[in-house]
Structure formats: C-alpha cells, structure tokens
Protein backbone atom coordinates (compact mmCIF):
# COMPACT_ATOMS: atom_id res chain seq x y z
CA MET A 1 6.27 -72.21 -10.34
CA LYS A 2 3.45 -70.05 -11.68
CA ASN A 3 0.85 -72.32 -10.03
CA LYS A 4 2.65 -72.05 -6.68
CA ILE A 5 2.56 -68.26 -6.89
CA ILE A 6 -1.17 -68.31 -7.64
CA VAL A 7 -1.84 -70.61 -4.66
CA PHE A 8 0.25 -68.37 -2.42
CA LEU A 9 -1.68 -65.28 -3.54
CA ILE A 10 -5.02 -67.01 -2.88
CA ILE A 11 -3.90 -67.98 0.63
CA LEU A 12 -2.58 -64.45 1.25
CA THR A 13 -5.83 -62.87 0.07
CA SER A 14 -7.85 -65.25 2.24
CA CYS A 15 -5.81 -64.41 5.35
CA SER A 16 -6.04 -60.70 4.62
CA SER A 17 -9.83 -60.74 4.30
CA GLU A 18 -10.12 -62.79 7.49
CA LYS A 19 -8.31 -60.03 9.37
CA GLU A 20 -10.58 -57.29 8.03
CA ASN A 21 -14.16 -58.46 8.50
CA LEU A 22 -15.00 -55.29 10.49
CA ILE A 23 -14.36 -52.16 8.45
CA ILE A 24 -15.33 -48.73 9.76
CA GLU A 25 -15.29 -45.91 7.25
CA GLY A 26 -15.88 -42.51 8.75
CA LYS A 27 -16.06 -38.76 8.37
CA ILE A 28 -15.70 -36.26 11.23
CA SER A 29 -16.55 -32.67 10.45
CA GLY A 30 -14.18 -30.03 11.79
CA VAL A 31 -11.18 -32.38 11.85
CA THR A 32 -8.42 -31.95 9.28
CA ASN A 33 -5.57 -33.91 10.78
CA SER A 34 -5.79 -36.01 13.93
CA LYS A 35 -5.51 -39.56 15.21
CA ILE A 36 -8.40 -41.96 15.72
CA TYR A 37 -8.38 -45.29 17.54
CA LEU A 38 -10.48 -48.45 17.64
CA SER A 39 -10.50 -50.06 21.08
CA SER A 40 -11.92 -53.29 22.48
CA LEU A 41 -13.60 -52.48 25.81
CA GLU A 42 -13.56 -56.04 27.10
CA GLU A 43 -9.89 -56.59 26.30
CA GLY A 44 -8.92 -53.05 27.24
CA LYS A 45 -6.58 -52.53 24.31
CA ILE A 46 -6.22 -50.56 21.09
CA ILE A 47 -6.72 -52.82 18.09
CA ASP A 48 -6.29 -50.30 15.27
CA SER A 49 -5.41 -46.65 14.73
CA VAL A 50 -5.06 -44.34 11.73
CA ASN A 51 -4.59 -40.67 10.91
CA ILE A 52 -7.69 -38.69 9.99
CA ILE A 53 -7.01 -36.81 6.77
CA ASP A 54 -9.45 -34.09 5.71
CA GLY A 55 -12.01 -35.52 8.13
CA LYS A 56 -11.93 -39.04 6.66
CA PHE A 57 -10.58 -42.32 8.01
CA LYS A 58 -10.87 -46.10 7.73
CA LEU A 59 -10.37 -48.50 10.65
CA LYS A 60 -10.08 -52.27 10.18
CA THR A 61 -9.92 -55.35 12.36
CA TYR A 62 -10.94 -59.00 12.57
CA LEU A 63 -13.86 -59.97 14.79
CA ASP A 64 -14.80 -63.58 15.46
CA THR A 65 -17.82 -62.58 17.57
CA THR A 66 -19.92 -59.65 18.74
CA LYS A 67 -18.03 -57.29 21.09
CA GLU A 68 -18.41 -53.88 22.70
CA MET A 69 -15.93 -51.42 21.22
CA SER A 70 -14.96 -47.74 21.25
CA ILE A 71 -13.95 -45.22 18.61
CA ILE A 72 -11.62 -42.69 20.27
CA LEU A 73 -10.68 -39.30 18.84
CA GLY A 74 -7.43 -37.47 19.59
CA ASP A 75 -5.39 -39.79 21.78
CA ARG A 76 -6.06 -43.18 23.34
CA ASP A 77 -6.90 -41.70 26.75
CA SER A 78 -9.23 -39.03 25.38
CA GLU A 79 -12.74 -38.53 26.75
CA ASN A 80 -13.94 -38.30 23.14
CA LYS A 81 -14.89 -41.97 23.20
CA PHE A 82 -17.90 -43.32 21.30
CA ASP A 83 -18.95 -46.73 22.64
CA PHE A 84 -20.87 -49.19 20.49
CA ILE A 85 -21.42 -52.89 19.99
CA SER A 86 -20.31 -54.42 16.74
CA GLU A 87 -20.22 -57.56 14.66
CA PRO A 88 -18.38 -58.36 11.43
CA ALA A 89 -19.69 -55.71 9.01
CA HIS A 90 -18.76 -52.75 6.83
CA ILE A 91 -20.18 -49.79 8.73
CA ILE A 92 -20.23 -46.01 8.36
CA PHE A 93 -19.44 -43.70 11.29
CA THR A 94 -20.04 -39.95 11.21
CA SER A 95 -19.60 -37.27 13.87
CA SER A 96 -18.12 -33.84 14.56
CA LYS A 97 -15.06 -32.57 16.39
CA ASP A 98 -16.94 -30.43 18.93
CA LYS A 99 -19.61 -32.97 19.95
CA PHE A 100 -17.91 -36.21 19.02
CA VAL A 101 -19.90 -38.54 21.29
CA PHE A 102 -23.26 -36.75 21.10
CA ASN A 103 -23.21 -36.44 17.29
CA GLY A 104 -21.80 -39.91 16.70
CA LYS A 105 -23.89 -42.02 14.30
CA ILE A 106 -23.45 -45.52 12.93
CA GLN A 107 -25.04 -46.68 9.70
CA ASN A 108 -25.25 -50.06 7.99
CA SER A 109 -25.43 -52.10 11.21
CA ASN A 110 -28.67 -53.83 12.20
CA LEU A 111 -27.11 -54.92 15.49
CA TYR A 112 -26.25 -51.35 16.42
CA SER A 113 -29.79 -50.20 15.59
CA ASP A 114 -31.13 -52.82 18.02
CA TYR A 115 -28.49 -51.79 20.56
CA LYS A 116 -29.45 -48.12 20.30
CA ASN A 117 -33.16 -48.87 20.76
CA LEU A 118 -32.44 -51.07 23.78
CA ASN A 119 -30.16 -48.43 25.28
CA ASN A 120 -32.78 -45.73 24.79
CA GLN A 121 -35.30 -47.77 26.78
CA ILE A 122 -32.84 -48.41 29.61
CA ASN A 123 -31.79 -44.73 29.63
CA GLN A 124 -35.39 -43.72 30.29
CA PHE A 125 -35.29 -45.70 33.53
CA ASP A 126 -31.90 -44.19 34.43
CA GLU A 127 -33.01 -40.62 33.73
CA LYS A 128 -36.08 -41.04 35.93
CA ASP A 129 -33.87 -42.49 38.66
CA LEU A 130 -31.58 -39.44 38.50
CA GLU A 131 -34.59 -37.15 38.87
CA MET A 132 -35.67 -39.05 41.99
CA LEU A 133 -32.13 -39.00 43.36
CA ALA A 134 -31.95 -35.20 42.95
CA GLU A 135 -35.28 -34.93 44.77
CA LEU A 136 -33.99 -37.15 47.58
CA ILE A 137 -30.92 -34.97 48.04
CA GLU A 138 -33.09 -31.87 48.28
CA ILE A 139 -35.53 -33.51 50.73
CA SER A 140 -32.76 -34.88 52.97
CA SER A 141 -31.63 -31.34 53.79
CA LYS A 142 -35.17 -30.43 54.91
CA GLY A 143 -35.66 -33.35 57.28
CA LYS A 144 -38.82 -34.69 55.59
CA GLN A 145 -38.24 -38.35 56.45
CA ASN A 146 -41.64 -39.69 55.36
CA LYS A 147 -41.39 -38.16 51.91
CA TYR A 148 -37.77 -39.32 51.67
CA ASP A 149 -38.78 -42.92 52.43
CA SER A 150 -41.64 -42.76 49.92
CA ILE A 151 -39.42 -41.60 47.05
CA ASN A 152 -36.73 -44.10 47.99
CA LYS A 153 -39.30 -46.92 47.67
CA GLN A 154 -40.27 -45.57 44.25
CA ARG A 155 -36.61 -45.70 43.21
CA LEU A 156 -36.38 -49.35 44.26
CA LYS A 157 -39.52 -50.20 42.28
CA LEU A 158 -38.17 -48.32 39.25
CA ASN A 159 -34.94 -50.30 39.38
CA GLN A 160 -36.91 -53.55 39.61
CA LYS A 161 -38.90 -52.52 36.52
CA LYS A 162 -35.66 -51.82 34.64
CA ILE A 163 -34.21 -55.22 35.49
CA LEU A 164 -37.51 -56.91 34.62
CA TYR A 165 -37.44 -55.14 31.26
CA ILE A 166 -33.91 -56.45 30.60
CA VAL A 167 -34.84 -60.01 31.62
CA ASN A 168 -37.97 -59.95 29.42
CA TYR A 169 -35.95 -58.59 26.49
CA ALA A 170 -33.35 -61.33 26.82
CA MET A 171 -35.97 -64.08 27.15
CA SER A 172 -37.95 -62.77 24.15
CA ASN A 173 -34.92 -62.39 21.84
CA LYS A 174 -33.04 -65.65 22.22
CA SER A 175 -31.36 -65.38 18.80
CA ASN A 176 -30.16 -61.81 19.27
CA GLN A 177 -26.55 -61.32 20.39
CA LEU A 178 -27.68 -58.39 22.53
CA SER A 179 -29.57 -60.74 24.86
CA ALA A 180 -26.34 -62.30 26.10
CA TYR A 181 -24.56 -58.93 26.13
CA ILE A 182 -27.18 -57.03 28.15
CA SER A 183 -27.68 -59.92 30.59
CA TYR A 184 -23.96 -60.13 31.26
CA LYS A 185 -23.64 -56.35 31.58
CA TYR A 186 -26.32 -56.25 34.32
CA ARG A 187 -25.37 -59.58 35.90
CA GLU A 188 -24.83 -57.99 39.32
CA ASN A 189 -28.45 -56.79 39.38
CA ILE A 190 -30.13 -59.91 37.99
CA ASN A 191 -30.89 -62.90 40.21
CA LYS A 192 -28.64 -65.82 39.26
CA LYS A 193 -31.59 -68.16 38.67
CA TYR A 194 -32.93 -65.73 36.04
CA LEU A 195 -29.49 -65.46 34.44
CA GLU A 196 -29.43 -69.24 34.16
CA LYS A 197 -32.91 -69.27 32.58
CA ILE A 198 -31.81 -66.62 30.09
CA TYR A 199 -28.71 -68.59 29.17
CA LYS A 200 -30.58 -71.87 28.70
CA ASN A 201 -33.10 -70.11 26.47
CA LEU A 202 -30.46 -68.61 24.15
CA SER A 203 -29.89 -70.06 20.69
CA ASP A 204 -26.78 -72.22 20.24
CA GLU A 205 -25.14 -69.49 18.15
CA VAL A 206 -25.62 -66.88 20.88
CA LYS A 207 -24.46 -69.32 23.57
CA ASP A 208 -21.22 -69.76 21.63
CA SER A 209 -20.69 -66.01 21.28
CA PHE A 210 -18.28 -63.97 23.39
CA TYR A 211 -20.96 -62.73 25.80
CA GLY A 212 -22.77 -66.08 25.75
CA GLN A 213 -19.63 -67.73 27.07
CA LYS A 214 -19.14 -64.95 29.61
CA LEU A 215 -22.68 -65.55 30.81
CA SER A 216 -22.15 -69.31 31.14
CA SER A 217 -19.04 -68.75 33.29
CA ILE A 218 -21.22 -67.27 36.05
CA PHE A 219 -22.87 -70.59 36.94
C-alpha cells in the first residue's frame, strides 16, 4: 500500500510540474490589492489569474510551445495590457500602476530579449512611416500634389525595407522561434513565395512549433 501511495505521489508531482512550466513572478509598484491576468493572444482567452497582494503576484501555466501572451492589470478588458512572447521558463515581470505597459520589463528570458530587439528595429520603420503620414496629411490640405506623390513613394520604399528586414531576419535565424512568429505576423505583407522559402529554411524544431505550423498552413 505504501508503494502505491509513493507511485501516486510521483505521478501527481509529474503532472503538476507539467502544468506549470511557465511561471511569472512579478512586482508592480503602486498596487496594493488588485487582480492580474495572463492571457493567450492567439487563443483569445484568460489562462490564469491571481490577486496582487502588496504589489506581488505569481502566474502559472503550461506551455507546449512558444506563444504570444499578455499580462493584464485590473480586469480582463483593461487597456493595461503588456504583450510579450514567451516560452517555458521562470521569468520575472516588473512594472508600475501608473505606466503599466511603458514601464513593463521582463527578466530571465532570452527569447523575450530577442523579441524586444526585433521589435525595436521594426518600430523604427513604423515611427518614420508615421512621420511621413503626418507630413502627407499636412501637404494634402495645401494642394502640393508633386510633393505629396514624392513622400508617398518614400513611404512605399520604407515599407519595402521593413518587410525585407523581416524576411532577412527570418532567413538568417532559422533556429529561432521568432522567425516563424514574425513571418506569420506579417504574412499579409510578405510575398507567398518568400514565406515558403522562410518556412523551408526553418529548423525542424521551429517548423513543429505553434507559429511554424501556422506558417505551413498558408501554403
């Protein structure tokens, strides 16, 4: 009987650890008592939630692959939503009540560090595009068609450079989960033949990942 109990406890412990391979420990300054949620963006559902006590919390879930997720402060429909991409890991999240998204930081995740660097590069293209768009709006009210057309062509070239950057990143990082993720995210802007080349170039592990499979479903 004693042996049966030991076996049962081993099985129970194994199942428990399988369900908690992503652990997010966090501290949010300025929050004493509130609710915080962990949401899967792709599945569109809350997968864990806890009360924040004295600014501290711990969220847990099981991940079988890399996925884009959100940490949401307050209630599940709140705009205080910090998006990130995660893999099975024990990570640290810190932020503040007043600037929850802006001050949000993740530690102990190599994948997130890569994700942040990639996002920063893409954001530079997007910020420049917004500057050009604001200039176009101003010019359109003054009837300067030639200048309008010139800036519009620059915007098109800028967008092409951004997509080329994404394609080059994906082709140069075949073993990085982000290559499948970023290619799938911008699938509407990338020529299908390039998407197919990216997919074929991915490592077997990345092909079998969540976003690798999403990418393969396009062809």
